[in-house]
Amino acid sequence: METELLRTFIEVYRMRSFTRAAQNLCVTPSAVSARVRLLEGEMGRSLLSRNSQRVQLTPAGERLLRHAITIVETIDRAQKHVALDDRSPVTVAGVASFWDLFLQDWLHRVRTELPQIAPWVEVRSAARIAEKLALGELHLGFLYSPPQIADLVLRELGAVELILVSSRPERGVEETLADGYVLVDWGTGFSSEHHRHFPRRPPAAARSNLGRVAHQLLLTCGGGAYLPRTLVEPDLAAGRLFPVADAPEFEMRAYAAHRAHDEHRDLVELMLGCI
């Protein structure tokens, strides 16, 4: 079985669309359809049901999905491992917002100060990071809510303070939420507190799971968003953004997590020393 067929099947499932999957894979929709038909032929079962609304997995497709993801990820790891010289591969994953806050700078230091390590970097959801840690498929994870996994070593990295800012001065909370508000997905804890404080807020003008996307939207198009204080301090000082008076502030705790008996624990500790 060609792994390209499995990759195409996974992408169609993720996008729930042959057209969007084709765009992501840089092929035509007809090529995506042909690959899916080939895979269904090899499996002897229909894997995807198609209707005018969306694409869904059949029961056989649901059974195949986890195996397909495991096979593709295993092959990717093997290819990267074989391609290495004398460097040690360490798989790292962080939730999207961590890259905005500090992981990108940290990765630069790791590459500069630890040339013997070859980081394999992923952006994943918190749930996927926890799952990969539990399965031993991840050496180091960065997330906000530490998963309850036996044999897991946690290192608290500090607090992230989120404040409500606006591109317009002297705006109140209700005005900011009603005019050009960008809702950033900072994780389950933030979403719960955000809903508790603003249960009847108007629909957001835009949504993102990346703080830098919301930040650029505010600077370019105007509006408001909850962003890390450290990210917006230069804009507040320059008068490009303004704090929203009387808005509640939210605090999240950031953690690094790795297995206590991981084969690369010594390398992971070296990498954490670069934070």
C-alpha atoms as a PDB file:
ATOM      1  CA  MET A   1       0.000   0.000   0.000  1.00  0.00           C
ATOM      2  CA  GLU A   2       1.378   3.428  -0.908  1.00  0.00           C
ATOM      3  CA  THR A   3       1.582   5.816   2.027  1.00  0.00           C
ATOM      4  CA  GLU A   4       0.445   8.616  -0.311  1.00  0.00           C
ATOM      5  CA  LEU A   5      -2.980   6.975  -0.408  1.00  0.00           C
ATOM      6  CA  LEU A   6      -3.145   7.005   3.376  1.00  0.00           C
ATOM      7  CA  ARG A   7      -1.951  10.626   3.541  1.00  0.00           C
ATOM      8  CA  THR A   8      -4.674  11.629   1.095  1.00  0.00           C
ATOM      9  CA  PHE A   9      -7.333   9.728   3.053  1.00  0.00           C
ATOM     10  CA  ILE A  10      -6.240  11.435   6.291  1.00  0.00           C
ATOM     11  CA  GLU A  11      -6.261  14.894   4.675  1.00  0.00           C
ATOM     12  CA  VAL A  12      -9.753  14.401   3.244  1.00  0.00           C
ATOM     13  CA  TYR A  13     -10.944  13.369   6.717  1.00  0.00           C
ATOM     14  CA  ARG A  14      -9.307  16.382   8.348  1.00  0.00           C
ATOM     15  CA  MET A  15     -10.644  18.895   5.818  1.00  0.00           C
ATOM     16  CA  ARG A  16     -14.011  17.129   5.309  1.00  0.00           C
ATOM     17  CA  SER A  17     -13.636  18.118   1.673  1.00  0.00           C
ATOM     18  CA  PHE A  18     -11.981  16.671  -1.424  1.00  0.00           C
ATOM     19  CA  THR A  19     -11.409  20.179  -2.818  1.00  0.00           C
ATOM     20  CA  ARG A  20      -9.724  21.589   0.295  1.00  0.00           C
ATOM     21  CA  ALA A  21      -7.683  18.409   0.699  1.00  0.00           C
ATOM     22  CA  ALA A  22      -6.511  18.778  -2.915  1.00  0.00           C
ATOM     23  CA  GLN A  23      -5.453  22.373  -2.229  1.00  0.00           C
ATOM     24  CA  ASN A  24      -3.428  21.325   0.821  1.00  0.00           C
ATOM     25  CA  LEU A  25      -1.805  18.440  -1.056  1.00  0.00           C
ATOM     26  CA  CYS A  26      -1.134  20.574  -4.178  1.00  0.00           C
ATOM     27  CA  VAL A  27      -2.957  18.152  -6.490  1.00  0.00           C
ATOM     28  CA  THR A  28      -6.256  18.246  -8.363  1.00  0.00           C
ATOM     29  CA  PRO A  29      -9.542  17.119  -6.780  1.00  0.00           C
ATOM     30  CA  SER A  30      -9.741  14.357  -9.377  1.00  0.00           C
ATOM     31  CA  ALA A  31      -6.350  13.055  -8.206  1.00  0.00           C
ATOM     32  CA  VAL A  32      -7.617  13.011  -4.619  1.00  0.00           C
ATOM     33  CA  SER A  33     -10.734  11.104  -5.695  1.00  0.00           C
ATOM     34  CA  ALA A  34      -8.612   8.606  -7.628  1.00  0.00           C
ATOM     35  CA  ARG A  35      -6.350   7.977  -4.636  1.00  0.00           C
ATOM     36  CA  VAL A  36      -9.315   7.425  -2.347  1.00  0.00           C
ATOM     37  CA  ARG A  37     -10.850   4.973  -4.832  1.00  0.00           C
ATOM     38  CA  LEU A  38      -7.551   3.069  -5.016  1.00  0.00           C
ATOM     39  CA  LEU A  39      -7.375   2.876  -1.227  1.00  0.00           C
ATOM     40  CA  GLU A  40     -10.984   1.725  -1.007  1.00  0.00           C
ATOM     41  CA  GLY A  41     -10.188  -0.909  -3.610  1.00  0.00           C
ATOM     42  CA  GLU A  42      -7.261  -2.192  -1.565  1.00  0.00           C
ATOM     43  CA  MET A  43      -9.344  -2.218   1.616  1.00  0.00           C
ATOM     44  CA  GLY A  44     -12.355  -3.752  -0.067  1.00  0.00           C
ATOM     45  CA  ARG A  45     -14.608  -1.303   1.750  1.00  0.00           C
ATOM     46  CA  SER A  46     -16.081   2.155   1.250  1.00  0.00           C
ATOM     47  CA  LEU A  47     -14.134   4.502   3.537  1.00  0.00           C
ATOM     48  CA  LEU A  48     -15.798   7.883   2.955  1.00  0.00           C
ATOM     49  CA  SER A  49     -19.407   8.866   2.459  1.00  0.00           C
ATOM     50  CA  ARG A  50     -19.986  11.917   0.273  1.00  0.00           C
ATOM     51  CA  ASN A  51     -23.020  14.198   0.259  1.00  0.00           C
ATOM     52  CA  SER A  52     -23.761  17.802  -0.664  1.00  0.00           C
ATOM     53  CA  GLN A  53     -22.836  19.051   2.793  1.00  0.00           C
ATOM     54  CA  ARG A  54     -19.587  17.340   3.755  1.00  0.00           C
ATOM     55  CA  VAL A  55     -17.462  14.210   3.629  1.00  0.00           C
ATOM     56  CA  GLN A  56     -17.735  11.764   6.514  1.00  0.00           C
ATOM     57  CA  LEU A  57     -16.052   8.515   7.496  1.00  0.00           C
ATOM     58  CA  THR A  58     -17.895   5.265   7.072  1.00  0.00           C
ATOM     59  CA  PRO A  59     -17.568   2.697   9.897  1.00  0.00           C
ATOM     60  CA  ALA A  60     -14.739   1.061   7.932  1.00  0.00           C
ATOM     61  CA  GLY A  61     -13.090   4.475   7.494  1.00  0.00           C
ATOM     62  CA  GLU A  62     -13.277   5.096  11.233  1.00  0.00           C
ATOM     63  CA  ARG A  63     -11.548   1.774  11.886  1.00  0.00           C
ATOM     64  CA  LEU A  64      -8.820   2.580   9.363  1.00  0.00           C
ATOM     65  CA  LEU A  65      -8.152   6.159  10.482  1.00  0.00           C
ATOM     66  CA  ARG A  66      -6.080   5.495  13.622  1.00  0.00           C
ATOM     67  CA  HIS A  67      -4.012   2.857  11.817  1.00  0.00           C
ATOM     68  CA  ALA A  68      -3.457   5.222   8.895  1.00  0.00           C
ATOM     69  CA  ILE A  69      -2.249   8.038  11.161  1.00  0.00           C
ATOM     70  CA  THR A  70       0.086   5.669  13.031  1.00  0.00           C
ATOM     71  CA  ILE A  71       1.522   4.235   9.811  1.00  0.00           C
ATOM     72  CA  VAL A  72       2.170   7.654   8.251  1.00  0.00           C
ATOM     73  CA  GLU A  73       3.732   9.090  11.418  1.00  0.00           C
ATOM     74  CA  THR A  74       5.917   6.008  11.883  1.00  0.00           C
ATOM     75  CA  ILE A  75       7.199   6.226   8.311  1.00  0.00           C
ATOM     76  CA  ASP A  76       7.884   9.946   8.709  1.00  0.00           C
ATOM     77  CA  ARG A  77       9.884   9.292  11.884  1.00  0.00           C
ATOM     78  CA  ALA A  78      11.835   6.490  10.191  1.00  0.00           C
ATOM     79  CA  GLN A  79      12.696   8.640   7.172  1.00  0.00           C
ATOM     80  CA  LYS A  80      13.918  11.496   9.340  1.00  0.00           C
ATOM     81  CA  HIS A  81      15.896   9.128  11.579  1.00  0.00           C
ATOM     82  CA  VAL A  82      17.603   7.405   8.665  1.00  0.00           C
ATOM     83  CA  ALA A  83      18.462  10.754   7.076  1.00  0.00           C
ATOM     84  CA  LEU A  84      20.346  11.922  10.185  1.00  0.00           C
ATOM     85  CA  ASP A  85      24.106  11.748  10.513  1.00  0.00           C
ATOM     86  CA  ASP A  86      25.435  11.553  14.077  1.00  0.00           C
ATOM     87  CA  ARG A  87      22.792  13.830  15.588  1.00  0.00           C
ATOM     88  CA  SER A  88      20.111  12.607  17.982  1.00  0.00           C
ATOM     89  CA  PRO A  89      16.489  13.199  16.924  1.00  0.00           C
ATOM     90  CA  VAL A  90      14.188  14.619  19.599  1.00  0.00           C
ATOM     91  CA  THR A  91      10.505  15.044  18.860  1.00  0.00           C
ATOM     92  CA  VAL A  92       8.966  18.217  20.292  1.00  0.00           C
ATOM     93  CA  ALA A  93       5.373  19.425  20.119  1.00  0.00           C
ATOM     94  CA  GLY A  94       3.716  22.555  21.429  1.00  0.00           C
ATOM     95  CA  VAL A  95       0.260  24.064  21.254  1.00  0.00           C
ATOM     96  CA  ALA A  96       0.051  26.755  18.593  1.00  0.00           C
ATOM     97  CA  SER A  97       0.066  29.747  20.940  1.00  0.00           C
ATOM     98  CA  PHE A  98       3.345  28.669  22.597  1.00  0.00           C
ATOM     99  CA  TRP A  99       5.215  29.425  19.377  1.00  0.00           C
ATOM    100  CA  ASP A 100       4.013  33.023  19.557  1.00  0.00           C
ATOM    101  CA  LEU A 101       5.179  33.409  23.136  1.00  0.00           C
ATOM    102  CA  PHE A 102       8.606  31.806  23.394  1.00  0.00           C
ATOM    103  CA  LEU A 103       9.112  28.492  21.578  1.00  0.00           C
ATOM    104  CA  GLN A 104      10.436  30.011  18.368  1.00  0.00           C
ATOM    105  CA  ASP A 105      13.227  31.859  20.197  1.00  0.00           C
ATOM    106  CA  TRP A 106      13.879  28.754  22.306  1.00  0.00           C
ATOM    107  CA  LEU A 107      14.208  26.609  19.182  1.00  0.00           C
ATOM    108  CA  HIS A 108      16.762  29.036  17.768  1.00  0.00           C
ATOM    109  CA  ARG A 109      18.859  28.668  20.946  1.00  0.00           C
ATOM    110  CA  VAL A 110      18.605  24.880  20.833  1.00  0.00           C
ATOM    111  CA  ARG A 111      19.837  24.783  17.234  1.00  0.00           C
ATOM    112  CA  THR A 112      22.695  27.153  18.050  1.00  0.00           C
ATOM    113  CA  GLU A 113      23.815  25.771  21.413  1.00  0.00           C
ATOM    114  CA  LEU A 114      23.050  22.058  20.955  1.00  0.00           C
ATOM    115  CA  PRO A 115      24.191  21.097  17.442  1.00  0.00           C
ATOM    116  CA  GLN A 116      24.239  17.413  18.444  1.00  0.00           C
ATOM    117  CA  ILE A 117      20.417  17.460  18.657  1.00  0.00           C
ATOM    118  CA  ALA A 118      18.112  17.350  15.637  1.00  0.00           C
ATOM    119  CA  PRO A 119      14.705  18.678  16.811  1.00  0.00           C
ATOM    120  CA  TRP A 120      11.649  17.391  15.009  1.00  0.00           C
ATOM    121  CA  VAL A 121       9.098  20.091  15.727  1.00  0.00           C
ATOM    122  CA  GLU A 122       5.313  19.817  15.563  1.00  0.00           C
ATOM    123  CA  VAL A 123       2.364  22.105  16.299  1.00  0.00           C
ATOM    124  CA  ARG A 124      -0.381  20.023  17.922  1.00  0.00           C
ATOM    125  CA  SER A 125      -3.518  20.383  19.989  1.00  0.00           C
ATOM    126  CA  ALA A 126      -3.207  19.827  23.743  1.00  0.00           C
ATOM    127  CA  ALA A 127      -5.196  16.595  23.453  1.00  0.00           C
ATOM    128  CA  ARG A 128      -2.906  15.254  20.722  1.00  0.00           C
ATOM    129  CA  ILE A 129       0.210  16.205  22.711  1.00  0.00           C
ATOM    130  CA  ALA A 130      -1.109  14.328  25.748  1.00  0.00           C
ATOM    131  CA  GLU A 131      -1.948  11.308  23.600  1.00  0.00           C
ATOM    132  CA  LYS A 132       1.496  11.207  21.973  1.00  0.00           C
ATOM    133  CA  LEU A 133       3.209  11.568  25.369  1.00  0.00           C
ATOM    134  CA  ALA A 134       1.161   8.676  26.735  1.00  0.00           C
ATOM    135  CA  LEU A 135       2.031   6.514  23.706  1.00  0.00           C
ATOM    136  CA  GLY A 136       5.726   7.370  23.934  1.00  0.00           C
ATOM    137  CA  GLU A 137       5.659   9.001  20.492  1.00  0.00           C
ATOM    138  CA  LEU A 138       6.753  12.401  21.811  1.00  0.00           C
ATOM    139  CA  HIS A 139       9.881  13.285  23.770  1.00  0.00           C
ATOM    140  CA  LEU A 140       8.898  16.778  24.925  1.00  0.00           C
ATOM    141  CA  GLY A 141       5.554  18.572  24.984  1.00  0.00           C
ATOM    142  CA  PHE A 142       4.581  22.158  25.772  1.00  0.00           C
ATOM    143  CA  LEU A 143       1.023  22.884  26.878  1.00  0.00           C
ATOM    144  CA  TYR A 144      -1.093  24.758  29.416  1.00  0.00           C
ATOM    145  CA  SER A 145      -3.005  22.019  31.232  1.00  0.00           C
ATOM    146  CA  PRO A 146      -0.650  19.207  32.291  1.00  0.00           C
ATOM    147  CA  PRO A 147      -2.075  15.788  31.363  1.00  0.00           C
ATOM    148  CA  GLN A 148      -2.656  13.209  34.080  1.00  0.00           C
ATOM    149  CA  ILE A 149      -0.211  10.563  32.882  1.00  0.00           C
ATOM    150  CA  ALA A 150       1.814   8.249  35.103  1.00  0.00           C
ATOM    151  CA  ASP A 151       5.607   8.630  34.888  1.00  0.00           C
ATOM    152  CA  LEU A 152       5.292  12.174  33.540  1.00  0.00           C
ATOM    153  CA  VAL A 153       7.775  14.865  34.568  1.00  0.00           C
ATOM    154  CA  LEU A 154       6.335  18.386  34.597  1.00  0.00           C
ATOM    155  CA  ARG A 155       8.238  21.644  34.615  1.00  0.00           C
ATOM    156  CA  GLU A 156       6.292  24.847  35.160  1.00  0.00           C
ATOM    157  CA  LEU A 157       7.594  27.534  32.854  1.00  0.00           C
ATOM    158  CA  GLY A 158       5.694  30.447  34.365  1.00  0.00           C
ATOM    159  CA  ALA A 159       2.495  32.395  33.929  1.00  0.00           C
ATOM    160  CA  VAL A 160       1.128  33.950  30.751  1.00  0.00           C
ATOM    161  CA  GLU A 161      -0.945  37.065  31.447  1.00  0.00           C
ATOM    162  CA  LEU A 162      -3.656  37.797  28.887  1.00  0.00           C
ATOM    163  CA  ILE A 163      -5.144  41.291  28.685  1.00  0.00           C
ATOM    164  CA  LEU A 164      -7.864  42.762  26.501  1.00  0.00           C
ATOM    165  CA  VAL A 165      -6.489  45.378  24.100  1.00  0.00           C
ATOM    166  CA  SER A 166      -8.076  47.494  21.384  1.00  0.00           C
ATOM    167  CA  SER A 167      -6.815  49.430  18.405  1.00  0.00           C
ATOM    168  CA  ARG A 168      -8.991  52.344  19.553  1.00  0.00           C
ATOM    169  CA  PRO A 169      -8.390  54.386  22.732  1.00  0.00           C
ATOM    170  CA  GLU A 170     -10.860  54.729  25.587  1.00  0.00           C
ATOM    171  CA  ARG A 171     -12.943  51.736  24.566  1.00  0.00           C
ATOM    172  CA  GLY A 172     -15.059  49.842  27.077  1.00  0.00           C
ATOM    173  CA  VAL A 173     -15.388  46.082  27.310  1.00  0.00           C
ATOM    174  CA  GLU A 174     -18.779  45.871  25.577  1.00  0.00           C
ATOM    175  CA  GLU A 175     -17.673  48.156  22.743  1.00  0.00           C
ATOM    176  CA  THR A 176     -14.516  46.100  22.184  1.00  0.00           C
ATOM    177  CA  LEU A 177     -16.371  42.792  22.116  1.00  0.00           C
ATOM    178  CA  ALA A 178     -18.979  44.162  19.719  1.00  0.00           C
ATOM    179  CA  ASP A 179     -16.698  45.824  17.157  1.00  0.00           C
ATOM    180  CA  GLY A 180     -14.005  43.821  15.372  1.00  0.00           C
ATOM    181  CA  TYR A 181     -13.300  41.423  18.239  1.00  0.00           C
ATOM    182  CA  VAL A 182     -10.892  38.588  17.402  1.00  0.00           C
ATOM    183  CA  LEU A 183     -11.406  35.537  19.595  1.00  0.00           C
ATOM    184  CA  VAL A 184      -8.122  33.715  20.151  1.00  0.00           C
ATOM    185  CA  ASP A 185      -8.201  30.079  21.209  1.00  0.00           C
ATOM    186  CA  TRP A 186      -5.813  30.055  24.155  1.00  0.00           C
ATOM    187  CA  GLY A 187      -6.960  26.620  25.322  1.00  0.00           C
ATOM    188  CA  THR A 188      -9.784  25.029  27.273  1.00  0.00           C
ATOM    189  CA  GLY A 189      -9.116  26.904  30.515  1.00  0.00           C
ATOM    190  CA  PHE A 190      -9.204  30.286  28.827  1.00  0.00           C
ATOM    191  CA  SER A 191     -12.319  29.398  26.821  1.00  0.00           C
ATOM    192  CA  SER A 192     -14.158  28.393  29.990  1.00  0.00           C
ATOM    193  CA  GLU A 193     -13.240  31.582  31.851  1.00  0.00           C
ATOM    194  CA  HIS A 194     -13.923  33.729  28.804  1.00  0.00           C
ATOM    195  CA  HIS A 195     -17.436  32.293  28.471  1.00  0.00           C
ATOM    196  CA  ARG A 196     -18.059  32.700  32.193  1.00  0.00           C
ATOM    197  CA  HIS A 197     -17.215  36.416  32.039  1.00  0.00           C
ATOM    198  CA  PHE A 198     -18.886  37.095  28.671  1.00  0.00           C
ATOM    199  CA  PRO A 199     -21.786  34.622  28.296  1.00  0.00           C
ATOM    200  CA  ARG A 200     -23.808  36.929  26.009  1.00  0.00           C
ATOM    201  CA  ARG A 201     -21.097  38.548  23.921  1.00  0.00           C
ATOM    202  CA  PRO A 202     -21.795  39.154  20.202  1.00  0.00           C
ATOM    203  CA  PRO A 203     -20.271  36.756  17.662  1.00  0.00           C
ATOM    204  CA  ALA A 204     -16.565  37.401  17.082  1.00  0.00           C
ATOM    205  CA  ALA A 205     -15.520  39.118  13.869  1.00  0.00           C
ATOM    206  CA  ALA A 206     -12.712  36.566  13.468  1.00  0.00           C
ATOM    207  CA  ARG A 207     -11.176  33.600  15.278  1.00  0.00           C
ATOM    208  CA  SER A 208      -7.672  32.178  15.424  1.00  0.00           C
ATOM    209  CA  ASN A 209      -5.547  29.775  17.456  1.00  0.00           C
ATOM    210  CA  LEU A 210      -2.465  31.903  16.833  1.00  0.00           C
ATOM    211  CA  GLY A 211      -1.893  35.043  18.842  1.00  0.00           C
ATOM    212  CA  ARG A 212       0.316  36.597  16.169  1.00  0.00           C
ATOM    213  CA  VAL A 213      -2.533  36.341  13.645  1.00  0.00           C
ATOM    214  CA  ALA A 214      -4.890  38.253  15.938  1.00  0.00           C
ATOM    215  CA  HIS A 215      -2.111  40.728  16.752  1.00  0.00           C
ATOM    216  CA  GLN A 216      -1.545  41.549  13.087  1.00  0.00           C
ATOM    217  CA  LEU A 217      -5.287  41.805  12.444  1.00  0.00           C
ATOM    218  CA  LEU A 218      -5.596  44.426  15.178  1.00  0.00           C
ATOM    219  CA  LEU A 219      -2.658  46.437  13.860  1.00  0.00           C
ATOM    220  CA  THR A 220      -3.826  46.236  10.242  1.00  0.00           C
ATOM    221  CA  CYS A 221      -7.625  46.172  10.379  1.00  0.00           C
ATOM    222  CA  GLY A 222      -8.431  47.354  13.897  1.00  0.00           C
ATOM    223  CA  GLY A 223     -10.472  45.674  16.596  1.00  0.00           C
ATOM    224  CA  GLY A 224      -9.728  44.011  19.912  1.00  0.00           C
ATOM    225  CA  ALA A 225      -8.443  40.725  21.320  1.00  0.00           C
ATOM    226  CA  TYR A 226      -7.053  39.040  24.395  1.00  0.00           C
ATOM    227  CA  LEU A 227      -3.282  38.908  23.885  1.00  0.00           C
ATOM    228  CA  PRO A 228      -0.254  38.267  26.119  1.00  0.00           C
ATOM    229  CA  ARG A 229       0.896  41.379  27.914  1.00  0.00           C
ATOM    230  CA  THR A 230       4.502  40.671  26.886  1.00  0.00           C
ATOM    231  CA  LEU A 231       3.464  40.560  23.217  1.00  0.00           C
ATOM    232  CA  VAL A 232       1.609  43.882  23.185  1.00  0.00           C
ATOM    233  CA  GLU A 233       3.747  45.954  25.581  1.00  0.00           C
ATOM    234  CA  PRO A 234       5.690  47.630  22.703  1.00  0.00           C
ATOM    235  CA  ASP A 235       2.398  48.505  20.988  1.00  0.00           C
ATOM    236  CA  LEU A 236       0.915  49.911  24.201  1.00  0.00           C
ATOM    237  CA  ALA A 237       4.001  52.049  24.748  1.00  0.00           C
ATOM    238  CA  ALA A 238       3.905  53.310  21.129  1.00  0.00           C
ATOM    239  CA  GLY A 239       0.170  54.052  21.155  1.00  0.00           C
ATOM    240  CA  ARG A 240      -0.635  51.480  18.488  1.00  0.00           C
ATOM    241  CA  LEU A 241      -2.849  49.486  20.875  1.00  0.00           C
ATOM    242  CA  PHE A 242      -4.657  50.443  24.062  1.00  0.00           C
ATOM    243  CA  PRO A 243      -5.668  48.511  27.193  1.00  0.00           C
ATOM    244  CA  VAL A 244      -9.416  48.142  27.695  1.00  0.00           C
ATOM    245  CA  ALA A 245     -10.357  49.595  31.053  1.00  0.00           C
ATOM    246  CA  ASP A 246     -12.062  47.330  33.599  1.00  0.00           C
ATOM    247  CA  ALA A 247     -11.669  44.229  31.425  1.00  0.00           C
ATOM    248  CA  PRO A 248     -10.900  41.034  33.386  1.00  0.00           C
ATOM    249  CA  GLU A 249      -7.408  39.635  32.989  1.00  0.00           C
ATOM    250  CA  PHE A 250      -6.699  35.926  32.575  1.00  0.00           C
ATOM    251  CA  GLU A 251      -3.641  33.980  33.640  1.00  0.00           C
ATOM    252  CA  MET A 252      -2.471  30.672  32.226  1.00  0.00           C
ATOM    253  CA  ARG A 253       0.292  28.440  33.543  1.00  0.00           C
ATOM    254  CA  ALA A 254       2.703  27.086  30.965  1.00  0.00           C
ATOM    255  CA  TYR A 255       4.286  23.631  31.345  1.00  0.00           C
ATOM    256  CA  ALA A 256       6.870  21.420  29.693  1.00  0.00           C
ATOM    257  CA  ALA A 257       6.223  17.682  29.971  1.00  0.00           C
ATOM    258  CA  HIS A 258       8.280  14.567  29.235  1.00  0.00           C
ATOM    259  CA  ARG A 259       8.405  10.945  30.335  1.00  0.00           C
ATOM    260  CA  ALA A 260      10.586  10.178  33.359  1.00  0.00           C
ATOM    261  CA  HIS A 261      12.212   7.152  31.722  1.00  0.00           C
ATOM    262  CA  ASP A 262      12.357   8.390  28.139  1.00  0.00           C
ATOM    263  CA  GLU A 263      15.431   7.249  26.214  1.00  0.00           C
ATOM    264  CA  HIS A 264      16.221  10.874  25.379  1.00  0.00           C
ATOM    265  CA  ARG A 265      15.679  12.305  28.855  1.00  0.00           C
ATOM    266  CA  ASP A 266      19.242  13.659  29.114  1.00  0.00           C
ATOM    267  CA  LEU A 267      18.858  15.432  25.775  1.00  0.00           C
ATOM    268  CA  VAL A 268      15.464  16.788  26.800  1.00  0.00           C
ATOM    269  CA  GLU A 269      16.992  18.226  29.974  1.00  0.00           C
ATOM    270  CA  LEU A 270      19.679  19.922  27.900  1.00  0.00           C
ATOM    271  CA  MET A 271      17.018  21.423  25.666  1.00  0.00           C
ATOM    272  CA  LEU A 272      15.014  22.669  28.634  1.00  0.00           C
ATOM    273  CA  GLY A 273      18.153  24.351  29.867  1.00  0.00           C
ATOM    274  CA  CYS A 274      17.904  26.682  26.864  1.00  0.00           C
ATOM    275  CA  ILE A 275      14.597  28.169  28.072  1.00  0.00           C
END
